[in-house]
Amino acid sequence: MRRVAILLTLATLVGACGAPSSVSKQAEALASTAAEGALLAGDVADARSTGAFAKTHARALLEQAEEVRAASASPELGSLAGEIVSALRQLASAPTDRVVASEVEERLETAAKDAEEIEESAA
């Protein structure tokens, strides 16, 4: 239950900030969103999350990634944000499918690492 509260707090904080404007800040936001989405997908894959929570949370994360994609400071970030949006949309569409969640978890873990690399190279 505590993990759920932490995830909701993070989603609210990141979502309230809007999309940052610099490449490094956008990459940081995408890394955070993808990592949080991967945790959520992992919980679904392990049957540790309800479908309603997973759907709602995936949609909130999806909106965050869409904000960054819309304001993307580089084509690379826009593409990465699109990948994250796609994965989160898939999770939101099948919030109780453990196989889908496992695949989404892998995609989002990769996206988080890619975003971190972009952030480091922009710093």
PDB file of N, CA and C in Angstrom:
ATOM      1  N   MET A   1       0.819  -1.184   0.000  1.00  0.00           N
ATOM      2  CA  MET A   1       0.000   0.000   0.000  1.00  0.00           C
ATOM      3  C   MET A   1       0.871   1.260   0.000  1.00  0.00           C
ATOM      4  N   ARG A   2       1.973   1.194   0.734  1.00  0.00           N
ATOM      5  CA  ARG A   2       2.862   2.348   0.776  1.00  0.00           C
ATOM      6  C   ARG A   2       3.449   2.635  -0.607  1.00  0.00           C
ATOM      7  N   ARG A   3       3.770   1.567  -1.347  1.00  0.00           N
ATOM      8  CA  ARG A   3       4.326   1.722  -2.696  1.00  0.00           C
ATOM      9  C   ARG A   3       3.330   2.430  -3.602  1.00  0.00           C
ATOM     10  N   VAL A   4       2.054   2.103  -3.461  1.00  0.00           N
ATOM     11  CA  VAL A   4       1.005   2.740  -4.243  1.00  0.00           C
ATOM     12  C   VAL A   4       0.960   4.228  -3.923  1.00  0.00           C
ATOM     13  N   ALA A   5       1.021   4.575  -2.661  1.00  0.00           N
ATOM     14  CA  ALA A   5       0.988   5.979  -2.258  1.00  0.00           C
ATOM     15  C   ALA A   5       2.182   6.745  -2.816  1.00  0.00           C
ATOM     16  N   ILE A   6       3.344   6.129  -2.798  1.00  0.00           N
ATOM     17  CA  ILE A   6       4.544   6.774  -3.329  1.00  0.00           C
ATOM     18  C   ILE A   6       4.411   6.986  -4.831  1.00  0.00           C
ATOM     19  N   LEU A   7       3.939   5.964  -5.544  1.00  0.00           N
ATOM     20  CA  LEU A   7       3.769   6.087  -6.994  1.00  0.00           C
ATOM     21  C   LEU A   7       2.765   7.174  -7.345  1.00  0.00           C
ATOM     22  N   LEU A   8       1.666   7.243  -6.607  1.00  0.00           N
ATOM     23  CA  LEU A   8       0.669   8.278  -6.871  1.00  0.00           C
ATOM     24  C   LEU A   8       1.236   9.671  -6.595  1.00  0.00           C
ATOM     25  N   THR A   9       1.999   9.805  -5.545  1.00  0.00           N
ATOM     26  CA  THR A   9       2.614  11.092  -5.225  1.00  0.00           C
ATOM     27  C   THR A   9       3.580  11.519  -6.323  1.00  0.00           C
ATOM     28  N   LEU A  10       4.408  10.592  -6.776  1.00  0.00           N
ATOM     29  CA  LEU A  10       5.347  10.909  -7.854  1.00  0.00           C
ATOM     30  C   LEU A  10       4.622  11.303  -9.130  1.00  0.00           C
ATOM     31  N   ALA A  11       3.583  10.572  -9.468  1.00  0.00           N
ATOM     32  CA  ALA A  11       2.818  10.880 -10.679  1.00  0.00           C
ATOM     33  C   ALA A  11       2.195  12.263 -10.592  1.00  0.00           C
ATOM     34  N   THR A  12       1.681  12.608  -9.435  1.00  0.00           N
ATOM     35  CA  THR A  12       1.076  13.915  -9.240  1.00  0.00           C
ATOM     36  C   THR A  12       2.110  15.021  -9.350  1.00  0.00           C
ATOM     37  N   LEU A  13       3.255  14.828  -8.722  1.00  0.00           N
ATOM     38  CA  LEU A  13       4.294  15.856  -8.758  1.00  0.00           C
ATOM     39  C   LEU A  13       4.833  16.073 -10.155  1.00  0.00           C
ATOM     40  N   VAL A  14       5.140  14.999 -10.845  1.00  0.00           N
ATOM     41  CA  VAL A  14       5.683  15.130 -12.195  1.00  0.00           C
ATOM     42  C   VAL A  14       4.629  15.690 -13.126  1.00  0.00           C
ATOM     43  N   GLY A  15       3.408  15.228 -12.990  1.00  0.00           N
ATOM     44  CA  GLY A  15       2.329  15.686 -13.862  1.00  0.00           C
ATOM     45  C   GLY A  15       2.003  17.153 -13.668  1.00  0.00           C
ATOM     46  N   ALA A  16       2.139  17.647 -12.460  1.00  0.00           N
ATOM     47  CA  ALA A  16       1.800  19.031 -12.175  1.00  0.00           C
ATOM     48  C   ALA A  16       2.831  20.004 -12.716  1.00  0.00           C
ATOM     49  N   CYS A  17       3.995  19.525 -13.013  1.00  0.00           N
ATOM     50  CA  CYS A  17       5.074  20.406 -13.431  1.00  0.00           C
ATOM     51  C   CYS A  17       4.989  20.820 -14.894  1.00  0.00           C
ATOM     52  N   GLY A  18       4.295  20.075 -15.735  1.00  0.00           N
ATOM     53  CA  GLY A  18       4.291  20.351 -17.157  1.00  0.00           C
ATOM     54  C   GLY A  18       5.594  19.877 -17.767  1.00  0.00           C
ATOM     55  N   ALA A  19       5.704  20.030 -19.061  1.00  0.00           N
ATOM     56  CA  ALA A  19       6.891  19.547 -19.757  1.00  0.00           C
ATOM     57  C   ALA A  19       8.038  20.537 -19.600  1.00  0.00           C
ATOM     58  N   PRO A  20       9.216  20.064 -19.196  1.00  0.00           N
ATOM     59  CA  PRO A  20      10.384  20.940 -19.121  1.00  0.00           C
ATOM     60  C   PRO A  20      10.838  21.306 -20.531  1.00  0.00           C
ATOM     61  N   SER A  21      11.701  22.324 -20.627  1.00  0.00           N
ATOM     62  CA  SER A  21      12.081  22.796 -21.958  1.00  0.00           C
ATOM     63  C   SER A  21      13.472  22.360 -22.413  1.00  0.00           C
ATOM     64  N   SER A  22      14.385  22.042 -21.527  1.00  0.00           N
ATOM     65  CA  SER A  22      15.729  21.660 -21.959  1.00  0.00           C
ATOM     66  C   SER A  22      15.801  20.165 -22.248  1.00  0.00           C
ATOM     67  N   VAL A  23      16.744  19.791 -23.096  1.00  0.00           N
ATOM     68  CA  VAL A  23      16.919  18.388 -23.456  1.00  0.00           C
ATOM     69  C   VAL A  23      17.190  17.554 -22.215  1.00  0.00           C
ATOM     70  N   SER A  24      18.084  18.002 -21.354  1.00  0.00           N
ATOM     71  CA  SER A  24      18.425  17.192 -20.179  1.00  0.00           C
ATOM     72  C   SER A  24      17.235  17.036 -19.238  1.00  0.00           C
ATOM     73  N   LYS A  25      16.459  18.090 -19.051  1.00  0.00           N
ATOM     74  CA  LYS A  25      15.294  18.012 -18.161  1.00  0.00           C
ATOM     75  C   LYS A  25      14.195  17.145 -18.779  1.00  0.00           C
ATOM     76  N   GLN A  26      14.013  17.245 -20.085  1.00  0.00           N
ATOM     77  CA  GLN A  26      13.017  16.395 -20.747  1.00  0.00           C
ATOM     78  C   GLN A  26      13.436  14.931 -20.672  1.00  0.00           C
ATOM     79  N   ALA A  27      14.702  14.667 -20.878  1.00  0.00           N
ATOM     80  CA  ALA A  27      15.206  13.295 -20.784  1.00  0.00           C
ATOM     81  C   ALA A  27      15.037  12.769 -19.364  1.00  0.00           C
ATOM     82  N   GLU A  28      15.307  13.614 -18.383  1.00  0.00           N
ATOM     83  CA  GLU A  28      15.122  13.225 -16.986  1.00  0.00           C
ATOM     84  C   GLU A  28      13.654  12.887 -16.712  1.00  0.00           C
ATOM     85  N   ALA A  29      12.742  13.719 -17.216  1.00  0.00           N
ATOM     86  CA  ALA A  29      11.313  13.472 -17.023  1.00  0.00           C
ATOM     87  C   ALA A  29      10.889  12.166 -17.688  1.00  0.00           C
ATOM     88  N   LEU A  30      11.405  11.914 -18.897  1.00  0.00           N
ATOM     89  CA  LEU A  30      11.070  10.665 -19.583  1.00  0.00           C
ATOM     90  C   LEU A  30      11.640   9.454 -18.854  1.00  0.00           C
ATOM     91  N   ALA A  31      12.855   9.582 -18.353  1.00  0.00           N
ATOM     92  CA  ALA A  31      13.461   8.473 -17.604  1.00  0.00           C
ATOM     93  C   ALA A  31      12.619   8.149 -16.376  1.00  0.00           C
ATOM     94  N   SER A  32      12.177   9.166 -15.678  1.00  0.00           N
ATOM     95  CA  SER A  32      11.358   8.978 -14.487  1.00  0.00           C
ATOM     96  C   SER A  32      10.016   8.346 -14.838  1.00  0.00           C
ATOM     97  N   THR A  33       9.379   8.857 -15.874  1.00  0.00           N
ATOM     98  CA  THR A  33       8.083   8.330 -16.286  1.00  0.00           C
ATOM     99  C   THR A  33       8.201   6.880 -16.734  1.00  0.00           C
ATOM    100  N   ALA A  34       9.222   6.574 -17.528  1.00  0.00           N
ATOM    101  CA  ALA A  34       9.413   5.207 -18.007  1.00  0.00           C
ATOM    102  C   ALA A  34       9.739   4.259 -16.858  1.00  0.00           C
ATOM    103  N   ALA A  35      10.567   4.701 -15.933  1.00  0.00           N
ATOM    104  CA  ALA A  35      10.924   3.857 -14.784  1.00  0.00           C
ATOM    105  C   ALA A  35       9.698   3.585 -13.912  1.00  0.00           C
ATOM    106  N   GLU A  36       8.911   4.602 -13.689  1.00  0.00           N
ATOM    107  CA  GLU A  36       7.698   4.426 -12.895  1.00  0.00           C
ATOM    108  C   GLU A  36       6.711   3.504 -13.621  1.00  0.00           C
ATOM    109  N   GLY A  37       6.609   3.669 -14.937  1.00  0.00           N
ATOM    110  CA  GLY A  37       5.754   2.787 -15.718  1.00  0.00           C
ATOM    111  C   GLY A  37       6.235   1.344 -15.683  1.00  0.00           C
ATOM    112  N   ALA A  38       7.546   1.155 -15.696  1.00  0.00           N
ATOM    113  CA  ALA A  38       8.106  -0.195 -15.619  1.00  0.00           C
ATOM    114  C   ALA A  38       7.781  -0.838 -14.270  1.00  0.00           C
ATOM    115  N   LEU A  39       7.856  -0.052 -13.200  1.00  0.00           N
ATOM    116  CA  LEU A  39       7.480  -0.571 -11.881  1.00  0.00           C
ATOM    117  C   LEU A  39       6.005  -0.982 -11.861  1.00  0.00           C
ATOM    118  N   LEU A  40       5.170  -0.143 -12.423  1.00  0.00           N
ATOM    119  CA  LEU A  40       3.738  -0.440 -12.487  1.00  0.00           C
ATOM    120  C   LEU A  40       3.494  -1.713 -13.302  1.00  0.00           C
ATOM    121  N   ALA A  41       4.123  -1.799 -14.471  1.00  0.00           N
ATOM    122  CA  ALA A  41       3.968  -2.985 -15.317  1.00  0.00           C
ATOM    123  C   ALA A  41       4.470  -4.230 -14.597  1.00  0.00           C
ATOM    124  N   GLY A  42       5.549  -4.094 -13.857  1.00  0.00           N
ATOM    125  CA  GLY A  42       6.064  -5.221 -13.081  1.00  0.00           C
ATOM    126  C   GLY A  42       5.075  -5.683 -12.031  1.00  0.00           C
ATOM    127  N   ASP A  43       4.410  -4.725 -11.393  1.00  0.00           N
ATOM    128  CA  ASP A  43       3.388  -5.077 -10.404  1.00  0.00           C
ATOM    129  C   ASP A  43       2.224  -5.816 -11.067  1.00  0.00           C
ATOM    130  N   VAL A  44       1.820  -5.362 -12.234  1.00  0.00           N
ATOM    131  CA  VAL A  44       0.742  -6.041 -12.958  1.00  0.00           C
ATOM    132  C   VAL A  44       1.189  -7.440 -13.362  1.00  0.00           C
ATOM    133  N   ALA A  45       2.401  -7.563 -13.873  1.00  0.00           N
ATOM    134  CA  ALA A  45       2.924  -8.868 -14.298  1.00  0.00           C
ATOM    135  C   ALA A  45       2.989  -9.850 -13.142  1.00  0.00           C
ATOM    136  N   ASP A  46       3.235  -9.336 -11.946  1.00  0.00           N
ATOM    137  CA  ASP A  46       3.326 -10.182 -10.754  1.00  0.00           C
ATOM    138  C   ASP A  46       2.005 -10.250  -9.985  1.00  0.00           C
ATOM    139  N   ALA A  47       0.938  -9.741 -10.597  1.00  0.00           N
ATOM    140  CA  ALA A  47      -0.402  -9.734  -9.987  1.00  0.00           C
ATOM    141  C   ALA A  47      -0.422  -9.013  -8.640  1.00  0.00           C
ATOM    142  N   ARG A  48       0.317  -7.903  -8.554  1.00  0.00           N
ATOM    143  CA  ARG A  48       0.357  -7.115  -7.315  1.00  0.00           C
ATOM    144  C   ARG A  48      -0.359  -5.778  -7.461  1.00  0.00           C
ATOM    145  N   SER A  49      -1.186  -5.645  -8.484  1.00  0.00           N
ATOM    146  CA  SER A  49      -1.894  -4.398  -8.726  1.00  0.00           C
ATOM    147  C   SER A  49      -3.285  -4.713  -9.255  1.00  0.00           C
ATOM    148  N   THR A  50      -4.242  -3.883  -8.899  1.00  0.00           N
ATOM    149  CA  THR A  50      -5.583  -4.070  -9.445  1.00  0.00           C
ATOM    150  C   THR A  50      -5.652  -3.489 -10.851  1.00  0.00           C
ATOM    151  N   GLY A  51      -6.567  -3.995 -11.627  1.00  0.00           N
ATOM    152  CA  GLY A  51      -6.729  -3.488 -12.987  1.00  0.00           C
ATOM    153  C   GLY A  51      -7.103  -2.021 -13.018  1.00  0.00           C
ATOM    154  N   ALA A  52      -7.983  -1.614 -12.113  1.00  0.00           N
ATOM    155  CA  ALA A  52      -8.425  -0.216 -12.077  1.00  0.00           C
ATOM    156  C   ALA A  52      -7.264   0.716 -11.756  1.00  0.00           C
ATOM    157  N   PHE A  53      -6.453   0.340 -10.775  1.00  0.00           N
ATOM    158  CA  PHE A  53      -5.299   1.174 -10.420  1.00  0.00           C
ATOM    159  C   PHE A  53      -4.311   1.227 -11.577  1.00  0.00           C
ATOM    160  N   ALA A  54      -4.011   0.078 -12.169  1.00  0.00           N
ATOM    161  CA  ALA A  54      -3.035   0.035 -13.260  1.00  0.00           C
ATOM    162  C   ALA A  54      -3.503   0.879 -14.435  1.00  0.00           C
ATOM    163  N   LYS A  55      -4.761   0.800 -14.766  1.00  0.00           N
ATOM    164  CA  LYS A  55      -5.301   1.568 -15.892  1.00  0.00           C
ATOM    165  C   LYS A  55      -5.209   3.069 -15.631  1.00  0.00           C
ATOM    166  N   THR A  56      -5.629   3.475 -14.455  1.00  0.00           N
ATOM    167  CA  THR A  56      -5.611   4.892 -14.094  1.00  0.00           C
ATOM    168  C   THR A  56      -4.186   5.431 -14.032  1.00  0.00           C
ATOM    169  N   HIS A  57      -3.309   4.687 -13.411  1.00  0.00           N
ATOM    170  CA  HIS A  57      -1.925   5.142 -13.259  1.00  0.00           C
ATOM    171  C   HIS A  57      -1.202   5.154 -14.610  1.00  0.00           C
ATOM    172  N   ALA A  58      -1.436   4.133 -15.435  1.00  0.00           N
ATOM    173  CA  ALA A  58      -0.810   4.103 -16.759  1.00  0.00           C
ATOM    174  C   ALA A  58      -1.273   5.299 -17.587  1.00  0.00           C
ATOM    175  N   ARG A  59      -2.539   5.652 -17.475  1.00  0.00           N
ATOM    176  CA  ARG A  59      -3.040   6.826 -18.215  1.00  0.00           C
ATOM    177  C   ARG A  59      -2.393   8.117 -17.731  1.00  0.00           C
ATOM    178  N   ALA A  60      -2.192   8.237 -16.418  1.00  0.00           N
ATOM    179  CA  ALA A  60      -1.555   9.443 -15.873  1.00  0.00           C
ATOM    180  C   ALA A  60      -0.113   9.551 -16.378  1.00  0.00           C
ATOM    181  N   LEU A  61       0.596   8.435 -16.382  1.00  0.00           N
ATOM    182  CA  LEU A  61       1.976   8.432 -16.887  1.00  0.00           C
ATOM    183  C   LEU A  61       1.997   8.709 -18.382  1.00  0.00           C
ATOM    184  N   LEU A  62       1.035   8.174 -19.091  1.00  0.00           N
ATOM    185  CA  LEU A  62       0.911   8.397 -20.525  1.00  0.00           C
ATOM    186  C   LEU A  62       0.773   9.882 -20.826  1.00  0.00           C
ATOM    187  N   GLU A  63      -0.035  10.564 -20.051  1.00  0.00           N
ATOM    188  CA  GLU A  63      -0.209  12.008 -20.240  1.00  0.00           C
ATOM    189  C   GLU A  63       1.100  12.762 -20.021  1.00  0.00           C
ATOM    190  N   GLN A  64       1.879  12.343 -19.037  1.00  0.00           N
ATOM    191  CA  GLN A  64       3.166  12.985 -18.778  1.00  0.00           C
ATOM    192  C   GLN A  64       4.097  12.820 -19.982  1.00  0.00           C
ATOM    193  N   ALA A  65       4.157  11.606 -20.511  1.00  0.00           N
ATOM    194  CA  ALA A  65       5.023  11.352 -21.666  1.00  0.00           C
ATOM    195  C   ALA A  65       4.528  12.119 -22.890  1.00  0.00           C
ATOM    196  N   GLU A  66       3.214  12.240 -23.040  1.00  0.00           N
ATOM    197  CA  GLU A  66       2.667  12.997 -24.171  1.00  0.00           C
ATOM    198  C   GLU A  66       3.023  14.474 -24.079  1.00  0.00           C
ATOM    199  N   GLU A  67       3.051  15.013 -22.858  1.00  0.00           N
ATOM    200  CA  GLU A  67       3.454  16.415 -22.680  1.00  0.00           C
ATOM    201  C   GLU A  67       4.884  16.638 -23.153  1.00  0.00           C
ATOM    202  N   VAL A  68       5.763  15.740 -22.789  1.00  0.00           N
ATOM    203  CA  VAL A  68       7.163  15.867 -23.215  1.00  0.00           C
ATOM    204  C   VAL A  68       7.255  15.696 -24.733  1.00  0.00           C
ATOM    205  N   ARG A  69       6.518  14.736 -25.271  1.00  0.00           N
ATOM    206  CA  ARG A  69       6.560  14.524 -26.725  1.00  0.00           C
ATOM    207  C   ARG A  69       6.100  15.777 -27.460  1.00  0.00           C
ATOM    208  N   ALA A  70       5.053  16.420 -26.980  1.00  0.00           N
ATOM    209  CA  ALA A  70       4.522  17.624 -27.631  1.00  0.00           C
ATOM    210  C   ALA A  70       5.500  18.792 -27.579  1.00  0.00           C
ATOM    211  N   ALA A  71       6.305  18.863 -26.529  1.00  0.00           N
ATOM    212  CA  ALA A  71       7.244  19.974 -26.361  1.00  0.00           C
ATOM    213  C   ALA A  71       8.684  19.548 -26.593  1.00  0.00           C
ATOM    214  N   SER A  72       8.882  18.407 -27.208  1.00  0.00           N
ATOM    215  CA  SER A  72      10.198  17.801 -27.329  1.00  0.00           C
ATOM    216  C   SER A  72      11.251  18.741 -27.917  1.00  0.00           C
ATOM    217  N   ALA A  73      12.397  18.772 -27.238  1.00  0.00           N
ATOM    218  CA  ALA A  73      13.504  19.649 -27.631  1.00  0.00           C
ATOM    219  C   ALA A  73      14.400  19.012 -28.685  1.00  0.00           C
ATOM    220  N   SER A  74      14.144  17.751 -29.032  1.00  0.00           N
ATOM    221  CA  SER A  74      14.941  17.093 -30.060  1.00  0.00           C
ATOM    222  C   SER A  74      14.127  15.960 -30.679  1.00  0.00           C
ATOM    223  N   PRO A  75      14.426  15.615 -31.929  1.00  0.00           N
ATOM    224  CA  PRO A  75      13.723  14.493 -32.566  1.00  0.00           C
ATOM    225  C   PRO A  75      13.919  13.176 -31.806  1.00  0.00           C
ATOM    226  N   GLU A  76      15.107  12.987 -31.249  1.00  0.00           N
ATOM    227  CA  GLU A  76      15.400  11.768 -30.502  1.00  0.00           C
ATOM    228  C   GLU A  76      14.490  11.648 -29.277  1.00  0.00           C
ATOM    229  N   LEU A  77      14.303  12.756 -28.573  1.00  0.00           N
ATOM    230  CA  LEU A  77      13.416  12.752 -27.407  1.00  0.00           C
ATOM    231  C   LEU A  77      11.968  12.540 -27.817  1.00  0.00           C
ATOM    232  N   GLY A  78      11.570  13.148 -28.910  1.00  0.00           N
ATOM    233  CA  GLY A  78      10.208  12.969 -29.400  1.00  0.00           C
ATOM    234  C   GLY A  78       9.921  11.518 -29.735  1.00  0.00           C
ATOM    235  N   SER A  79      10.880  10.871 -30.368  1.00  0.00           N
ATOM    236  CA  SER A  79      10.737   9.460 -30.715  1.00  0.00           C
ATOM    237  C   SER A  79      10.675   8.589 -29.469  1.00  0.00           C
ATOM    238  N   LEU A  80      11.555   8.858 -28.516  1.00  0.00           N
ATOM    239  CA  LEU A  80      11.575   8.094 -27.276  1.00  0.00           C
ATOM    240  C   LEU A  80      10.276   8.297 -26.502  1.00  0.00           C
ATOM    241  N   ALA A  81       9.799   9.521 -26.441  1.00  0.00           N
ATOM    242  CA  ALA A  81       8.524   9.796 -25.766  1.00  0.00           C
ATOM    243  C   ALA A  81       7.395   9.026 -26.448  1.00  0.00           C
ATOM    244  N   GLY A  82       7.439   8.948 -27.773  1.00  0.00           N
ATOM    245  CA  GLY A  82       6.436   8.185 -28.507  1.00  0.00           C
ATOM    246  C   GLY A  82       6.462   6.705 -28.145  1.00  0.00           C
ATOM    247  N   GLU A  83       7.656   6.159 -27.970  1.00  0.00           N
ATOM    248  CA  GLU A  83       7.785   4.753 -27.564  1.00  0.00           C
ATOM    249  C   GLU A  83       7.191   4.538 -26.174  1.00  0.00           C
ATOM    250  N   ILE A  84       7.454   5.477 -25.277  1.00  0.00           N
ATOM    251  CA  ILE A  84       6.935   5.377 -23.915  1.00  0.00           C
ATOM    252  C   ILE A  84       5.408   5.493 -23.928  1.00  0.00           C
ATOM    253  N   VAL A  85       4.895   6.439 -24.697  1.00  0.00           N
ATOM    254  CA  VAL A  85       3.447   6.601 -24.834  1.00  0.00           C
ATOM    255  C   VAL A  85       2.820   5.308 -25.344  1.00  0.00           C
ATOM    256  N   SER A  86       3.412   4.718 -26.359  1.00  0.00           N
ATOM    257  CA  SER A  86       2.887   3.479 -26.937  1.00  0.00           C
ATOM    258  C   SER A  86       2.845   2.354 -25.904  1.00  0.00           C
ATOM    259  N   ALA A  87       3.917   2.183 -25.158  1.00  0.00           N
ATOM    260  CA  ALA A  87       3.977   1.121 -24.147  1.00  0.00           C
ATOM    261  C   ALA A  87       2.938   1.353 -23.049  1.00  0.00           C
ATOM    262  N   LEU A  88       2.828   2.596 -22.592  1.00  0.00           N
ATOM    263  CA  LEU A  88       1.860   2.891 -21.532  1.00  0.00           C
ATOM    264  C   LEU A  88       0.423   2.755 -22.035  1.00  0.00           C
ATOM    265  N   ARG A  89       0.189   3.097 -23.273  1.00  0.00           N
ATOM    266  CA  ARG A  89      -1.141   2.918 -23.857  1.00  0.00           C
ATOM    267  C   ARG A  89      -1.498   1.431 -23.891  1.00  0.00           C
ATOM    268  N   GLN A  90      -0.519   0.606 -24.229  1.00  0.00           N
ATOM    269  CA  GLN A  90      -0.739  -0.833 -24.258  1.00  0.00           C
ATOM    270  C   GLN A  90      -1.082  -1.346 -22.855  1.00  0.00           C
ATOM    271  N   LEU A  91      -0.386  -0.867 -21.842  1.00  0.00           N
ATOM    272  CA  LEU A  91      -0.661  -1.269 -20.472  1.00  0.00           C
ATOM    273  C   LEU A  91      -2.043  -0.790 -20.029  1.00  0.00           C
ATOM    274  N   ALA A  92      -2.388   0.439 -20.348  1.00  0.00           N
ATOM    275  CA  ALA A  92      -3.694   0.977 -19.972  1.00  0.00           C
ATOM    276  C   ALA A  92      -4.836   0.218 -20.653  1.00  0.00           C
ATOM    277  N   SER A  93      -4.570  -0.295 -21.850  1.00  0.00           N
ATOM    278  CA  SER A  93      -5.591  -1.041 -22.595  1.00  0.00           C
ATOM    279  C   SER A  93      -5.777  -2.459 -22.078  1.00  0.00           C
ATOM    280  N   ALA A  94      -4.771  -2.994 -21.429  1.00  0.00           N
ATOM    281  CA  ALA A  94      -4.838  -4.366 -20.917  1.00  0.00           C
ATOM    282  C   ALA A  94      -4.265  -4.403 -19.497  1.00  0.00           C
ATOM    283  N   PRO A  95      -4.912  -3.704 -18.560  1.00  0.00           N
ATOM    284  CA  PRO A  95      -4.327  -3.528 -17.228  1.00  0.00           C
ATOM    285  C   PRO A  95      -4.285  -4.770 -16.342  1.00  0.00           C
ATOM    286  N   THR A  96      -4.837  -5.876 -16.811  1.00  0.00           N
ATOM    287  CA  THR A  96      -4.768  -7.107 -16.015  1.00  0.00           C
ATOM    288  C   THR A  96      -4.047  -8.228 -16.758  1.00  0.00           C
ATOM    289  N   ASP A  97      -3.570  -7.946 -17.950  1.00  0.00           N
ATOM    290  CA  ASP A  97      -2.895  -8.970 -18.762  1.00  0.00           C
ATOM    291  C   ASP A  97      -1.429  -9.055 -18.334  1.00  0.00           C
ATOM    292  N   ARG A  98      -1.098 -10.128 -17.665  1.00  0.00           N
ATOM    293  CA  ARG A  98       0.244 -10.281 -17.100  1.00  0.00           C
ATOM    294  C   ARG A  98       1.317 -10.422 -18.182  1.00  0.00           C
ATOM    295  N   VAL A  99       0.985 -11.052 -19.295  1.00  0.00           N
ATOM    296  CA  VAL A  99       1.949 -11.220 -20.389  1.00  0.00           C
ATOM    297  C   VAL A  99       2.247  -9.864 -21.029  1.00  0.00           C
ATOM    298  N   VAL A 100       1.201  -9.120 -21.318  1.00  0.00           N
ATOM    299  CA  VAL A 100       1.381  -7.776 -21.885  1.00  0.00           C
ATOM    300  C   VAL A 100       2.193  -6.916 -20.918  1.00  0.00           C
ATOM    301  N   ALA A 101       1.855  -6.984 -19.649  1.00  0.00           N
ATOM    302  CA  ALA A 101       2.559  -6.181 -18.644  1.00  0.00           C
ATOM    303  C   ALA A 101       4.040  -6.513 -18.593  1.00  0.00           C
ATOM    304  N   SER A 102       4.363  -7.785 -18.721  1.00  0.00           N
ATOM    305  CA  SER A 102       5.770  -8.195 -18.708  1.00  0.00           C
ATOM    306  C   SER A 102       6.517  -7.608 -19.903  1.00  0.00           C
ATOM    307  N   GLU A 103       5.886  -7.634 -21.057  1.00  0.00           N
ATOM    308  CA  GLU A 103       6.496  -7.051 -22.262  1.00  0.00           C
ATOM    309  C   GLU A 103       6.650  -5.541 -22.119  1.00  0.00           C
ATOM    310  N   VAL A 104       5.625  -4.901 -21.590  1.00  0.00           N
ATOM    311  CA  VAL A 104       5.664  -3.448 -21.386  1.00  0.00           C
ATOM    312  C   VAL A 104       6.758  -3.093 -20.380  1.00  0.00           C
ATOM    313  N   GLU A 105       6.894  -3.888 -19.345  1.00  0.00           N
ATOM    314  CA  GLU A 105       7.940  -3.639 -18.347  1.00  0.00           C
ATOM    315  C   GLU A 105       9.315  -3.606 -19.017  1.00  0.00           C
ATOM    316  N   GLU A 106       9.594  -4.566 -19.868  1.00  0.00           N
ATOM    317  CA  GLU A 106      10.888  -4.603 -20.563  1.00  0.00           C
ATOM    318  C   GLU A 106      11.073  -3.391 -21.463  1.00  0.00           C
ATOM    319  N   ARG A 107      10.029  -3.044 -22.208  1.00  0.00           N
ATOM    320  CA  ARG A 107      10.109  -1.878 -23.101  1.00  0.00           C
ATOM    321  C   ARG A 107      10.385  -0.597 -22.316  1.00  0.00           C
ATOM    322  N   LEU A 108       9.707  -0.447 -21.201  1.00  0.00           N
ATOM    323  CA  LEU A 108       9.873   0.773 -20.415  1.00  0.00           C
ATOM    324  C   LEU A 108      11.208   0.817 -19.684  1.00  0.00           C
ATOM    325  N   GLU A 109      11.709  -0.325 -19.258  1.00  0.00           N
ATOM    326  CA  GLU A 109      13.045  -0.345 -18.647  1.00  0.00           C
ATOM    327  C   GLU A 109      14.091   0.097 -19.668  1.00  0.00           C
ATOM    328  N   THR A 110      13.958  -0.393 -20.894  1.00  0.00           N
ATOM    329  CA  THR A 110      14.876   0.013 -21.962  1.00  0.00           C
ATOM    330  C   THR A 110      14.752   1.505 -22.245  1.00  0.00           C
ATOM    331  N   ALA A 111      13.521   1.986 -22.304  1.00  0.00           N
ATOM    332  CA  ALA A 111      13.287   3.411 -22.560  1.00  0.00           C
ATOM    333  C   ALA A 111      13.864   4.277 -21.447  1.00  0.00           C
ATOM    334  N   ALA A 112      13.743   3.835 -20.210  1.00  0.00           N
ATOM    335  CA  ALA A 112      14.299   4.595 -19.090  1.00  0.00           C
ATOM    336  C   ALA A 112      15.816   4.697 -19.214  1.00  0.00           C
ATOM    337  N   LYS A 113      16.458   3.588 -19.571  1.00  0.00           N
ATOM    338  CA  LYS A 113      17.918   3.602 -19.756  1.00  0.00           C
ATOM    339  C   LYS A 113      18.310   4.518 -20.911  1.00  0.00           C
ATOM    340  N   ASP A 114      17.551   4.459 -22.009  1.00  0.00           N
ATOM    341  CA  ASP A 114      17.836   5.324 -23.157  1.00  0.00           C
ATOM    342  C   ASP A 114      17.706   6.798 -22.771  1.00  0.00           C
ATOM    343  N   ALA A 115      16.681   7.104 -21.999  1.00  0.00           N
ATOM    344  CA  ALA A 115      16.474   8.494 -21.565  1.00  0.00           C
ATOM    345  C   ALA A 115      17.608   8.957 -20.652  1.00  0.00           C
ATOM    346  N   GLU A 116      18.061   8.072 -19.784  1.00  0.00           N
ATOM    347  CA  GLU A 116      19.173   8.414 -18.912  1.00  0.00           C
ATOM    348  C   GLU A 116      20.440   8.690 -19.718  1.00  0.00           C
ATOM    349  N   GLU A 117      20.662   7.917 -20.770  1.00  0.00           N
ATOM    350  CA  GLU A 117      21.844   8.149 -21.636  1.00  0.00           C
ATOM    351  C   GLU A 117      21.734   9.502 -22.327  1.00  0.00           C
ATOM    352  N   ILE A 118      20.555   9.850 -22.796  1.00  0.00           N
ATOM    353  CA  ILE A 118      20.362  11.155 -23.436  1.00  0.00           C
ATOM    354  C   ILE A 118      20.606  12.266 -22.416  1.00  0.00           C
ATOM    355  N   GLU A 119      20.089  12.078 -21.212  1.00  0.00           N
ATOM    356  CA  GLU A 119      20.270  13.076 -20.161  1.00  0.00           C
ATOM    357  C   GLU A 119      21.772  13.272 -19.865  1.00  0.00           C
ATOM    358  N   GLU A 120      22.503  12.182 -19.737  1.00  0.00           N
ATOM    359  CA  GLU A 120      23.932  12.284 -19.437  1.00  0.00           C
ATOM    360  C   GLU A 120      24.703  12.954 -20.565  1.00  0.00           C
ATOM    361  N   SER A 121      24.338  12.664 -21.802  1.00  0.00           N
ATOM    362  CA  SER A 121      25.059  13.262 -22.925  1.00  0.00           C
ATOM    363  C   SER A 121      24.725  14.723 -23.096  1.00  0.00           C
ATOM    364  N   ALA A 122      23.554  15.141 -22.616  1.00  0.00           N
ATOM    365  CA  ALA A 122      23.145  16.553 -22.729  1.00  0.00           C
ATOM    366  C   ALA A 122      23.700  17.404 -21.597  1.00  0.00           C
ATOM    367  N   ALA A 123      24.125  16.758 -20.526  1.00  0.00           N
ATOM    368  CA  ALA A 123      24.595  17.504 -19.354  1.00  0.00           C
ATOM    369  C   ALA A 123      25.988  18.063 -19.558  1.00  0.00           C
TER     370      ALA A 123
END
